[in-house]
Amino acid sequence: MRSMTGVGKGVSEGERWKVTTFVKSVNGRGLEVSVRSDIFLGDLEQDVRRWVKEYVIRGTVNVVLQIETKLPQSPFDLQKLESILQSLKDVKEKLSLNVSDDTLFMISVRLAGETKEEPDEELRSVLTESLQMALRELVKSREEEGRYLKEDILRRVKLISSLLEEIGEKKDAILQALKEKVAERAREVGLLQEDPTVMNELLFLISRMDVSEEYTRLKAHLQRFLDTLEAEGDIGKKLDFLLQEMHREITTLGNKMPELSHLVVDLKTEIERLRQQVANVE
């Protein structure tokens, strides 16, 4: 089982390029990938997204690529600086902007110093290696977080199972008390327990209060939940669905047998805590 929360880092370099990749993932309904880079990646960005999908099923994944060229920087181009500065001054005058010459100069220096490195095959190779290193580390991080998450989930499942056992014991006692109460009322008015009127009243009350079906389904859902925890792949949505079904059965059970309301409240509380944990499961 994997958490959707994790981080990873990878560094790779060749003769011309060095790439440092940072990957971070958080909760998400599906898979959402964002990519930031120092340079324009072109088709390489699609490769990055494709690789992320190979490693991650669900979550919001942020990929940051720090790409450095190892070639010597070209000398500062004074003519380029002058051209940019003049263009900015023309824009300032045309639009009547309130911008100082010093500010225009600083912008010109930054723009003149920019170089447009184009991706090549070596960059593709170095970037892929760096990205895969980061993604492997991300998966390892998510699996480690998933182990801690699973331990906490199992503790809560154990508590829910204990509460269900208590409900199982008390529901039968409540129905037995109901039968005795109906029999007592029948005797008070001079009727036998076997009288059709008494039997019909008893059957009607029991049908309204009997929670055997809800109880059985709750236990079945809980077992399916445990089985799903041991499965591979995308299990988060399945776990959440089972918890929704359990919450529905618990609500019905509480409505039919109000005497169990304190246990129902405890069960709903634990189910909600489980849903918060499951929201982080891939």
C-alpha atoms as a PDB file:
ATOM      1  CA  MET A   1       0.000   0.000   0.000  1.00  0.00           C
ATOM      2  CA  ARG A   2       1.292   3.434  -0.944  1.00  0.00           C
ATOM      3  CA  SER A   3       0.566   6.865   0.410  1.00  0.00           C
ATOM      4  CA  MET A   4       0.024   9.686  -2.080  1.00  0.00           C
ATOM      5  CA  THR A   5       2.483  11.843  -0.119  1.00  0.00           C
ATOM      6  CA  GLY A   6       6.180  11.613  -0.925  1.00  0.00           C
ATOM      7  CA  VAL A   7       9.326  13.296  -2.211  1.00  0.00           C
ATOM      8  CA  GLY A   8      12.228  12.318  -4.436  1.00  0.00           C
ATOM      9  CA  LYS A   9      15.430  13.765  -5.865  1.00  0.00           C
ATOM     10  CA  GLY A  10      17.708  12.719  -8.704  1.00  0.00           C
ATOM     11  CA  VAL A  11      20.943  14.149 -10.133  1.00  0.00           C
ATOM     12  CA  SER A  12      22.582  13.197 -13.421  1.00  0.00           C
ATOM     13  CA  GLU A  13      25.130  14.833 -15.704  1.00  0.00           C
ATOM     14  CA  GLY A  14      26.868  14.343 -19.032  1.00  0.00           C
ATOM     15  CA  GLU A  15      29.502  16.259 -20.980  1.00  0.00           C
ATOM     16  CA  ARG A  16      27.267  19.250 -21.717  1.00  0.00           C
ATOM     17  CA  TRP A  17      24.409  19.038 -19.231  1.00  0.00           C
ATOM     18  CA  LYS A  18      23.664  18.559 -15.558  1.00  0.00           C
ATOM     19  CA  VAL A  19      20.067  17.957 -14.443  1.00  0.00           C
ATOM     20  CA  THR A  20      18.770  17.967 -10.868  1.00  0.00           C
ATOM     21  CA  THR A  21      15.185  16.757 -10.491  1.00  0.00           C
ATOM     22  CA  PHE A  22      12.931  17.347  -7.501  1.00  0.00           C
ATOM     23  CA  VAL A  23       9.614  15.482  -7.325  1.00  0.00           C
ATOM     24  CA  LYS A  24       6.908  15.992  -4.706  1.00  0.00           C
ATOM     25  CA  SER A  25       3.462  14.412  -4.531  1.00  0.00           C
ATOM     26  CA  VAL A  26       0.382  15.111  -2.413  1.00  0.00           C
ATOM     27  CA  ASN A  27      -3.237  13.923  -2.323  1.00  0.00           C
ATOM     28  CA  GLY A  28      -5.331  14.068  -5.483  1.00  0.00           C
ATOM     29  CA  ARG A  29      -8.482  12.449  -6.868  1.00  0.00           C
ATOM     30  CA  GLY A  30      -6.729  11.357 -10.047  1.00  0.00           C
ATOM     31  CA  LEU A  31      -3.244  11.971 -11.439  1.00  0.00           C
ATOM     32  CA  GLU A  32      -2.266  15.588 -12.014  1.00  0.00           C
ATOM     33  CA  VAL A  33       1.288  16.448 -13.103  1.00  0.00           C
ATOM     34  CA  SER A  34       2.920  19.882 -13.224  1.00  0.00           C
ATOM     35  CA  VAL A  35       6.397  20.448 -14.693  1.00  0.00           C
ATOM     36  CA  ARG A  36       8.702  23.443 -14.145  1.00  0.00           C
ATOM     37  CA  SER A  37      12.054  23.843 -15.849  1.00  0.00           C
ATOM     38  CA  ASP A  38      14.872  26.371 -16.260  1.00  0.00           C
ATOM     39  CA  ILE A  39      14.658  26.050 -20.038  1.00  0.00           C
ATOM     40  CA  PHE A  40      12.003  25.382 -22.659  1.00  0.00           C
ATOM     41  CA  LEU A  41      11.624  21.603 -22.864  1.00  0.00           C
ATOM     42  CA  GLY A  42       9.544  21.249 -26.016  1.00  0.00           C
ATOM     43  CA  ASP A  43       8.671  17.594 -26.627  1.00  0.00           C
ATOM     44  CA  LEU A  44      10.707  16.613 -23.578  1.00  0.00           C
ATOM     45  CA  GLU A  45       7.900  17.774 -21.308  1.00  0.00           C
ATOM     46  CA  GLN A  46       5.627  15.063 -22.698  1.00  0.00           C
ATOM     47  CA  ASP A  47       8.356  12.515 -21.963  1.00  0.00           C
ATOM     48  CA  VAL A  48       8.503  13.780 -18.379  1.00  0.00           C
ATOM     49  CA  ARG A  49       4.741  13.374 -17.968  1.00  0.00           C
ATOM     50  CA  ARG A  50       4.848   9.915 -19.525  1.00  0.00           C
ATOM     51  CA  TRP A  51       7.546   8.773 -17.088  1.00  0.00           C
ATOM     52  CA  VAL A  52       5.605  10.086 -14.106  1.00  0.00           C
ATOM     53  CA  LYS A  53       2.602   8.004 -15.210  1.00  0.00           C
ATOM     54  CA  GLU A  54       4.828   4.917 -15.283  1.00  0.00           C
ATOM     55  CA  TYR A  55       5.556   5.323 -11.561  1.00  0.00           C
ATOM     56  CA  VAL A  56       2.484   7.046 -10.097  1.00  0.00           C
ATOM     57  CA  ILE A  57      -1.215   6.115 -10.345  1.00  0.00           C
ATOM     58  CA  ARG A  58      -2.876   8.835  -8.257  1.00  0.00           C
ATOM     59  CA  GLY A  59      -1.897  12.129  -6.671  1.00  0.00           C
ATOM     60  CA  THR A  60      -0.845  15.661  -7.525  1.00  0.00           C
ATOM     61  CA  VAL A  61       2.784  15.476  -8.655  1.00  0.00           C
ATOM     62  CA  ASN A  62       5.063  18.506  -8.965  1.00  0.00           C
ATOM     63  CA  VAL A  63       8.268  18.063 -10.986  1.00  0.00           C
ATOM     64  CA  VAL A  64      10.984  20.730 -10.817  1.00  0.00           C
ATOM     65  CA  LEU A  65      13.925  20.421 -13.233  1.00  0.00           C
ATOM     66  CA  GLN A  66      17.101  22.417 -12.614  1.00  0.00           C
ATOM     67  CA  ILE A  67      19.002  22.236 -15.900  1.00  0.00           C
ATOM     68  CA  GLU A  68      22.546  23.577 -16.129  1.00  0.00           C
ATOM     69  CA  THR A  69      24.776  23.769 -19.196  1.00  0.00           C
ATOM     70  CA  LYS A  70      28.436  22.929 -18.576  1.00  0.00           C
ATOM     71  CA  LEU A  71      29.704  24.853 -21.616  1.00  0.00           C
ATOM     72  CA  PRO A  72      31.546  28.175 -21.068  1.00  0.00           C
ATOM     73  CA  GLN A  73      29.251  31.184 -21.200  1.00  0.00           C
ATOM     74  CA  SER A  74      29.674  33.464 -24.200  1.00  0.00           C
ATOM     75  CA  PRO A  75      31.057  36.995 -23.604  1.00  0.00           C
ATOM     76  CA  PHE A  76      28.520  39.676 -22.721  1.00  0.00           C
ATOM     77  CA  ASP A  77      26.949  41.150 -25.870  1.00  0.00           C
ATOM     78  CA  LEU A  78      27.067  44.960 -25.484  1.00  0.00           C
ATOM     79  CA  GLN A  79      25.323  45.545 -28.807  1.00  0.00           C
ATOM     80  CA  LYS A  80      22.469  43.286 -27.711  1.00  0.00           C
ATOM     81  CA  LEU A  81      22.203  45.207 -24.429  1.00  0.00           C
ATOM     82  CA  GLU A  82      21.994  48.559 -26.217  1.00  0.00           C
ATOM     83  CA  SER A  83      19.342  47.253 -28.601  1.00  0.00           C
ATOM     84  CA  ILE A  84      17.175  45.895 -25.779  1.00  0.00           C
ATOM     85  CA  LEU A  85      17.560  49.075 -23.723  1.00  0.00           C
ATOM     86  CA  GLN A  86      16.522  51.256 -26.651  1.00  0.00           C
ATOM     87  CA  SER A  87      13.495  49.056 -27.336  1.00  0.00           C
ATOM     88  CA  LEU A  88      12.396  49.346 -23.715  1.00  0.00           C
ATOM     89  CA  LYS A  89      12.804  53.135 -23.813  1.00  0.00           C
ATOM     90  CA  ASP A  90      10.652  53.267 -26.940  1.00  0.00           C
ATOM     91  CA  VAL A  91       7.933  51.262 -25.194  1.00  0.00           C
ATOM     92  CA  LYS A  92       8.177  53.502 -22.130  1.00  0.00           C
ATOM     93  CA  GLU A  93       7.721  56.633 -24.239  1.00  0.00           C
ATOM     94  CA  LYS A  94       4.939  55.189 -26.368  1.00  0.00           C
ATOM     95  CA  LEU A  95       2.905  54.021 -23.357  1.00  0.00           C
ATOM     96  CA  SER A  96       3.879  56.937 -21.087  1.00  0.00           C
ATOM     97  CA  LEU A  97       5.112  54.566 -18.410  1.00  0.00           C
ATOM     98  CA  ASN A  98       6.521  55.831 -15.122  1.00  0.00           C
ATOM     99  CA  VAL A  99       9.670  53.691 -15.109  1.00  0.00           C
ATOM    100  CA  SER A 100      13.168  54.927 -14.256  1.00  0.00           C
ATOM    101  CA  ASP A 101      16.101  54.490 -16.642  1.00  0.00           C
ATOM    102  CA  ASP A 102      17.904  52.489 -13.937  1.00  0.00           C
ATOM    103  CA  THR A 103      15.050  49.985 -13.862  1.00  0.00           C
ATOM    104  CA  LEU A 104      15.065  49.716 -17.648  1.00  0.00           C
ATOM    105  CA  PHE A 105      18.821  49.154 -17.576  1.00  0.00           C
ATOM    106  CA  MET A 106      18.551  46.335 -15.013  1.00  0.00           C
ATOM    107  CA  ILE A 107      15.865  44.638 -17.092  1.00  0.00           C
ATOM    108  CA  SER A 108      18.016  45.015 -20.212  1.00  0.00           C
ATOM    109  CA  VAL A 109      21.026  43.455 -18.480  1.00  0.00           C
ATOM    110  CA  ARG A 110      18.984  40.443 -17.420  1.00  0.00           C
ATOM    111  CA  LEU A 111      17.459  39.953 -20.869  1.00  0.00           C
ATOM    112  CA  ALA A 112      20.791  40.419 -22.631  1.00  0.00           C
ATOM    113  CA  GLY A 113      22.388  37.804 -20.410  1.00  0.00           C
ATOM    114  CA  GLU A 114      19.807  35.136 -21.159  1.00  0.00           C
ATOM    115  CA  THR A 115      20.822  32.278 -23.438  1.00  0.00           C
ATOM    116  CA  LYS A 116      18.387  30.024 -25.216  1.00  0.00           C
ATOM    117  CA  GLU A 117      19.778  26.540 -24.864  1.00  0.00           C
ATOM    118  CA  GLU A 118      17.959  24.012 -27.021  1.00  0.00           C
ATOM    119  CA  PRO A 119      17.339  20.442 -25.790  1.00  0.00           C
ATOM    120  CA  ASP A 120      19.451  17.806 -27.543  1.00  0.00           C
ATOM    121  CA  GLU A 121      19.823  14.026 -27.306  1.00  0.00           C
ATOM    122  CA  GLU A 122      22.334  14.221 -24.473  1.00  0.00           C
ATOM    123  CA  LEU A 123      19.970  16.399 -22.458  1.00  0.00           C
ATOM    124  CA  ARG A 124      17.156  13.930 -23.118  1.00  0.00           C
ATOM    125  CA  SER A 125      19.302  11.088 -21.784  1.00  0.00           C
ATOM    126  CA  VAL A 126      20.593  12.992 -18.740  1.00  0.00           C
ATOM    127  CA  LEU A 127      17.154  14.345 -17.894  1.00  0.00           C
ATOM    128  CA  THR A 128      15.551  10.898 -18.172  1.00  0.00           C
ATOM    129  CA  GLU A 129      18.138   9.363 -15.842  1.00  0.00           C
ATOM    130  CA  SER A 130      17.741  12.175 -13.305  1.00  0.00           C
ATOM    131  CA  LEU A 131      13.943  11.975 -13.456  1.00  0.00           C
ATOM    132  CA  GLN A 132      13.851   8.207 -13.030  1.00  0.00           C
ATOM    133  CA  MET A 133      16.160   8.436 -10.022  1.00  0.00           C
ATOM    134  CA  ALA A 134      13.810  10.999  -8.459  1.00  0.00           C
ATOM    135  CA  LEU A 135      10.710   8.929  -9.261  1.00  0.00           C
ATOM    136  CA  ARG A 136      12.205   5.761  -7.760  1.00  0.00           C
ATOM    137  CA  GLU A 137      12.983   7.713  -4.599  1.00  0.00           C
ATOM    138  CA  LEU A 138       9.456   9.138  -4.647  1.00  0.00           C
ATOM    139  CA  VAL A 139       7.923   5.660  -4.851  1.00  0.00           C
ATOM    140  CA  LYS A 140      10.136   4.471  -1.987  1.00  0.00           C
ATOM    141  CA  SER A 141       9.020   7.476   0.071  1.00  0.00           C
ATOM    142  CA  ARG A 142       5.344   6.812  -0.697  1.00  0.00           C
ATOM    143  CA  GLU A 143       5.695   3.133   0.218  1.00  0.00           C
ATOM    144  CA  GLU A 144       7.362   3.974   3.529  1.00  0.00           C
ATOM    145  CA  GLU A 145       4.640   6.494   4.340  1.00  0.00           C
ATOM    146  CA  GLY A 146       2.093   3.874   3.275  1.00  0.00           C
ATOM    147  CA  ARG A 147       3.417   1.388   5.840  1.00  0.00           C
ATOM    148  CA  TYR A 148       2.877   3.850   8.691  1.00  0.00           C
ATOM    149  CA  LEU A 149      -0.539   4.713   7.286  1.00  0.00           C
ATOM    150  CA  LYS A 150      -1.520   1.057   7.094  1.00  0.00           C
ATOM    151  CA  GLU A 151      -0.516   0.449  10.719  1.00  0.00           C
ATOM    152  CA  ASP A 152      -2.777   3.274  11.878  1.00  0.00           C
ATOM    153  CA  ILE A 153      -5.642   2.093   9.662  1.00  0.00           C
ATOM    154  CA  LEU A 154      -5.387  -1.448  11.063  1.00  0.00           C
ATOM    155  CA  ARG A 155      -5.535  -0.108  14.618  1.00  0.00           C
ATOM    156  CA  ARG A 156      -8.756   1.700  13.799  1.00  0.00           C
ATOM    157  CA  VAL A 157     -10.212  -1.340  12.028  1.00  0.00           C
ATOM    158  CA  LYS A 158      -9.520  -3.393  15.155  1.00  0.00           C
ATOM    159  CA  LEU A 159     -11.446  -0.850  17.232  1.00  0.00           C
ATOM    160  CA  ILE A 160     -14.347  -0.883  14.754  1.00  0.00           C
ATOM    161  CA  SER A 161     -14.414  -4.688  14.875  1.00  0.00           C
ATOM    162  CA  SER A 162     -14.576  -4.544  18.671  1.00  0.00           C
ATOM    163  CA  LEU A 163     -17.492  -2.084  18.542  1.00  0.00           C
ATOM    164  CA  LEU A 164     -19.321  -4.350  16.085  1.00  0.00           C
ATOM    165  CA  GLU A 165     -18.892  -7.327  18.398  1.00  0.00           C
ATOM    166  CA  GLU A 166     -20.405  -5.274  21.209  1.00  0.00           C
ATOM    167  CA  ILE A 167     -23.343  -4.369  18.968  1.00  0.00           C
ATOM    168  CA  GLY A 168     -23.757  -8.052  18.076  1.00  0.00           C
ATOM    169  CA  GLU A 169     -24.060  -8.958  21.742  1.00  0.00           C
ATOM    170  CA  LYS A 170     -26.410  -6.119  22.684  1.00  0.00           C
ATOM    171  CA  LYS A 171     -28.790  -6.308  19.724  1.00  0.00           C
ATOM    172  CA  ASP A 172     -29.956  -9.805  20.693  1.00  0.00           C
ATOM    173  CA  ALA A 173     -30.415  -8.760  24.311  1.00  0.00           C
ATOM    174  CA  ILE A 174     -32.487  -5.746  23.210  1.00  0.00           C
ATOM    175  CA  LEU A 175     -34.778  -7.928  21.075  1.00  0.00           C
ATOM    176  CA  GLN A 176     -35.179 -10.408  23.931  1.00  0.00           C
ATOM    177  CA  ALA A 177     -36.121  -7.562  26.284  1.00  0.00           C
ATOM    178  CA  LEU A 178     -38.686  -6.405  23.706  1.00  0.00           C
ATOM    179  CA  LYS A 179     -40.285  -9.866  23.587  1.00  0.00           C
ATOM    180  CA  GLU A 180     -40.512  -9.970  27.370  1.00  0.00           C
ATOM    181  CA  LYS A 181     -42.041  -6.487  27.458  1.00  0.00           C
ATOM    182  CA  VAL A 182     -44.728  -7.433  24.917  1.00  0.00           C
ATOM    183  CA  ALA A 183     -45.474 -10.645  26.831  1.00  0.00           C
ATOM    184  CA  GLU A 184     -45.807  -8.682  30.076  1.00  0.00           C
ATOM    185  CA  ARG A 185     -48.259  -6.236  28.505  1.00  0.00           C
ATOM    186  CA  ALA A 186     -50.257  -9.145  27.083  1.00  0.00           C
ATOM    187  CA  ARG A 187     -50.579 -10.715  30.521  1.00  0.00           C
ATOM    188  CA  GLU A 188     -51.708  -7.401  31.968  1.00  0.00           C
ATOM    189  CA  VAL A 189     -54.728  -7.380  29.626  1.00  0.00           C
ATOM    190  CA  GLY A 190     -55.395 -11.087  30.033  1.00  0.00           C
ATOM    191  CA  LEU A 191     -53.910 -12.346  26.746  1.00  0.00           C
ATOM    192  CA  LEU A 192     -51.582 -15.274  26.225  1.00  0.00           C
ATOM    193  CA  GLN A 193     -48.261 -14.755  24.444  1.00  0.00           C
ATOM    194  CA  GLU A 194     -49.414 -17.173  21.735  1.00  0.00           C
ATOM    195  CA  ASP A 195     -52.494 -15.085  20.998  1.00  0.00           C
ATOM    196  CA  PRO A 196     -52.523 -13.977  17.294  1.00  0.00           C
ATOM    197  CA  THR A 197     -52.906 -10.330  18.272  1.00  0.00           C
ATOM    198  CA  VAL A 198     -49.884 -10.526  20.553  1.00  0.00           C
ATOM    199  CA  MET A 199     -47.861 -12.435  17.973  1.00  0.00           C
ATOM    200  CA  ASN A 200     -48.659  -9.918  15.220  1.00  0.00           C
ATOM    201  CA  GLU A 201     -47.682  -6.994  17.446  1.00  0.00           C
ATOM    202  CA  LEU A 202     -44.459  -8.743  18.414  1.00  0.00           C
ATOM    203  CA  LEU A 203     -43.545  -9.566  14.815  1.00  0.00           C
ATOM    204  CA  PHE A 204     -44.259  -5.998  13.755  1.00  0.00           C
ATOM    205  CA  LEU A 205     -42.008  -4.522  16.445  1.00  0.00           C
ATOM    206  CA  ILE A 206     -39.219  -7.009  15.787  1.00  0.00           C
ATOM    207  CA  SER A 207     -39.313  -6.327  12.032  1.00  0.00           C
ATOM    208  CA  ARG A 208     -38.860  -2.623  12.734  1.00  0.00           C
ATOM    209  CA  MET A 209     -36.002  -3.116  15.193  1.00  0.00           C
ATOM    210  CA  ASP A 210     -34.172  -6.148  13.820  1.00  0.00           C
ATOM    211  CA  VAL A 211     -30.723  -5.033  12.605  1.00  0.00           C
ATOM    212  CA  SER A 212     -29.377  -8.472  11.695  1.00  0.00           C
ATOM    213  CA  GLU A 213     -29.051  -7.646   7.982  1.00  0.00           C
ATOM    214  CA  GLU A 214     -27.271  -4.347   8.609  1.00  0.00           C
ATOM    215  CA  TYR A 215     -24.988  -6.033  11.124  1.00  0.00           C
ATOM    216  CA  THR A 216     -24.117  -8.839   8.700  1.00  0.00           C
ATOM    217  CA  ARG A 217     -23.408  -6.396   5.865  1.00  0.00           C
ATOM    218  CA  LEU A 218     -21.233  -4.258   8.145  1.00  0.00           C
ATOM    219  CA  LYS A 219     -19.074  -7.246   9.023  1.00  0.00           C
ATOM    220  CA  ALA A 220     -18.854  -8.228   5.347  1.00  0.00           C
ATOM    221  CA  HIS A 221     -17.815  -4.688   4.330  1.00  0.00           C
ATOM    222  CA  LEU A 222     -15.184  -4.655   7.069  1.00  0.00           C
ATOM    223  CA  GLN A 223     -13.716  -7.946   5.829  1.00  0.00           C
ATOM    224  CA  ARG A 224     -13.648  -6.639   2.237  1.00  0.00           C
ATOM    225  CA  PHE A 225     -11.908  -3.528   3.550  1.00  0.00           C
ATOM    226  CA  LEU A 226      -9.190  -5.683   5.146  1.00  0.00           C
ATOM    227  CA  ASP A 227      -8.819  -7.766   1.972  1.00  0.00           C
ATOM    228  CA  THR A 228      -8.495  -4.623  -0.151  1.00  0.00           C
ATOM    229  CA  LEU A 229      -5.757  -3.290   2.136  1.00  0.00           C
ATOM    230  CA  GLU A 230      -3.613  -6.251   1.063  1.00  0.00           C
ATOM    231  CA  ALA A 231      -4.244  -5.726  -2.665  1.00  0.00           C
ATOM    232  CA  GLU A 232      -1.862  -4.053  -5.114  1.00  0.00           C
ATOM    233  CA  GLY A 233      -2.348  -0.920  -7.188  1.00  0.00           C
ATOM    234  CA  ASP A 234      -5.019   1.743  -6.918  1.00  0.00           C
ATOM    235  CA  ILE A 235      -6.917   0.781  -3.744  1.00  0.00           C
ATOM    236  CA  GLY A 236      -7.695   4.190  -2.237  1.00  0.00           C
ATOM    237  CA  LYS A 237     -10.981   4.703  -4.097  1.00  0.00           C
ATOM    238  CA  LYS A 238     -12.157   1.166  -3.276  1.00  0.00           C
ATOM    239  CA  LEU A 239     -11.424   1.679   0.407  1.00  0.00           C
ATOM    240  CA  ASP A 240     -13.310   4.968   0.437  1.00  0.00           C
ATOM    241  CA  PHE A 241     -16.329   3.353  -1.259  1.00  0.00           C
ATOM    242  CA  LEU A 242     -16.437   0.587   1.362  1.00  0.00           C
ATOM    243  CA  LEU A 243     -16.309   3.156   4.156  1.00  0.00           C
ATOM    244  CA  GLN A 244     -19.232   5.018   2.581  1.00  0.00           C
ATOM    245  CA  GLU A 245     -21.223   1.777   2.510  1.00  0.00           C
ATOM    246  CA  MET A 246     -20.346   1.077   6.138  1.00  0.00           C
ATOM    247  CA  HIS A 247     -21.452   4.565   7.159  1.00  0.00           C
ATOM    248  CA  ARG A 248     -24.789   4.021   5.394  1.00  0.00           C
ATOM    249  CA  GLU A 249     -25.386   0.699   7.161  1.00  0.00           C
ATOM    250  CA  ILE A 250     -24.433   2.184  10.543  1.00  0.00           C
ATOM    251  CA  THR A 251     -26.909   5.038  10.053  1.00  0.00           C
ATOM    252  CA  THR A 252     -29.718   2.596   9.232  1.00  0.00           C
ATOM    253  CA  LEU A 253     -28.793   0.418  12.205  1.00  0.00           C
ATOM    254  CA  GLY A 254     -28.908   3.394  14.559  1.00  0.00           C
ATOM    255  CA  ASN A 255     -32.303   4.498  13.256  1.00  0.00           C
ATOM    256  CA  LYS A 256     -33.808   1.032  13.739  1.00  0.00           C
ATOM    257  CA  MET A 257     -32.350   0.434  17.200  1.00  0.00           C
ATOM    258  CA  PRO A 258     -31.887   3.749  19.094  1.00  0.00           C
ATOM    259  CA  GLU A 259     -30.742   1.826  22.186  1.00  0.00           C
ATOM    260  CA  LEU A 260     -27.389   1.400  20.411  1.00  0.00           C
ATOM    261  CA  SER A 261     -26.953   5.123  19.710  1.00  0.00           C
ATOM    262  CA  HIS A 262     -23.796   5.511  21.832  1.00  0.00           C
ATOM    263  CA  LEU A 263     -22.089   2.681  19.936  1.00  0.00           C
ATOM    264  CA  VAL A 264     -23.329   4.057  16.620  1.00  0.00           C
ATOM    265  CA  VAL A 265     -21.773   7.451  17.409  1.00  0.00           C
ATOM    266  CA  ASP A 266     -18.453   5.782  18.259  1.00  0.00           C
ATOM    267  CA  LEU A 267     -18.559   3.770  15.029  1.00  0.00           C
ATOM    268  CA  LYS A 268     -19.298   6.824  12.898  1.00  0.00           C
ATOM    269  CA  THR A 269     -16.431   8.691  14.544  1.00  0.00           C
ATOM    270  CA  GLU A 270     -13.971   5.910  13.722  1.00  0.00           C
ATOM    271  CA  ILE A 271     -15.306   5.592  10.171  1.00  0.00           C
ATOM    272  CA  GLU A 272     -14.758   9.315   9.617  1.00  0.00           C
ATOM    273  CA  ARG A 273     -11.204   9.058  10.961  1.00  0.00           C
ATOM    274  CA  LEU A 274     -10.591   6.152   8.620  1.00  0.00           C
ATOM    275  CA  ARG A 275     -11.885   8.170   5.658  1.00  0.00           C
ATOM    276  CA  GLN A 276      -9.415  10.930   6.482  1.00  0.00           C
ATOM    277  CA  GLN A 277      -6.586   8.380   6.440  1.00  0.00           C
ATOM    278  CA  VAL A 278      -7.818   6.610   3.316  1.00  0.00           C
ATOM    279  CA  ALA A 279      -7.910   9.961   1.486  1.00  0.00           C
ATOM    280  CA  ASN A 280      -4.108   9.718   1.414  1.00  0.00           C
ATOM    281  CA  VAL A 281      -3.964   6.170   0.005  1.00  0.00           C
ATOM    282  CA  GLU A 282      -3.023   5.759  -3.672  1.00  0.00           C
END
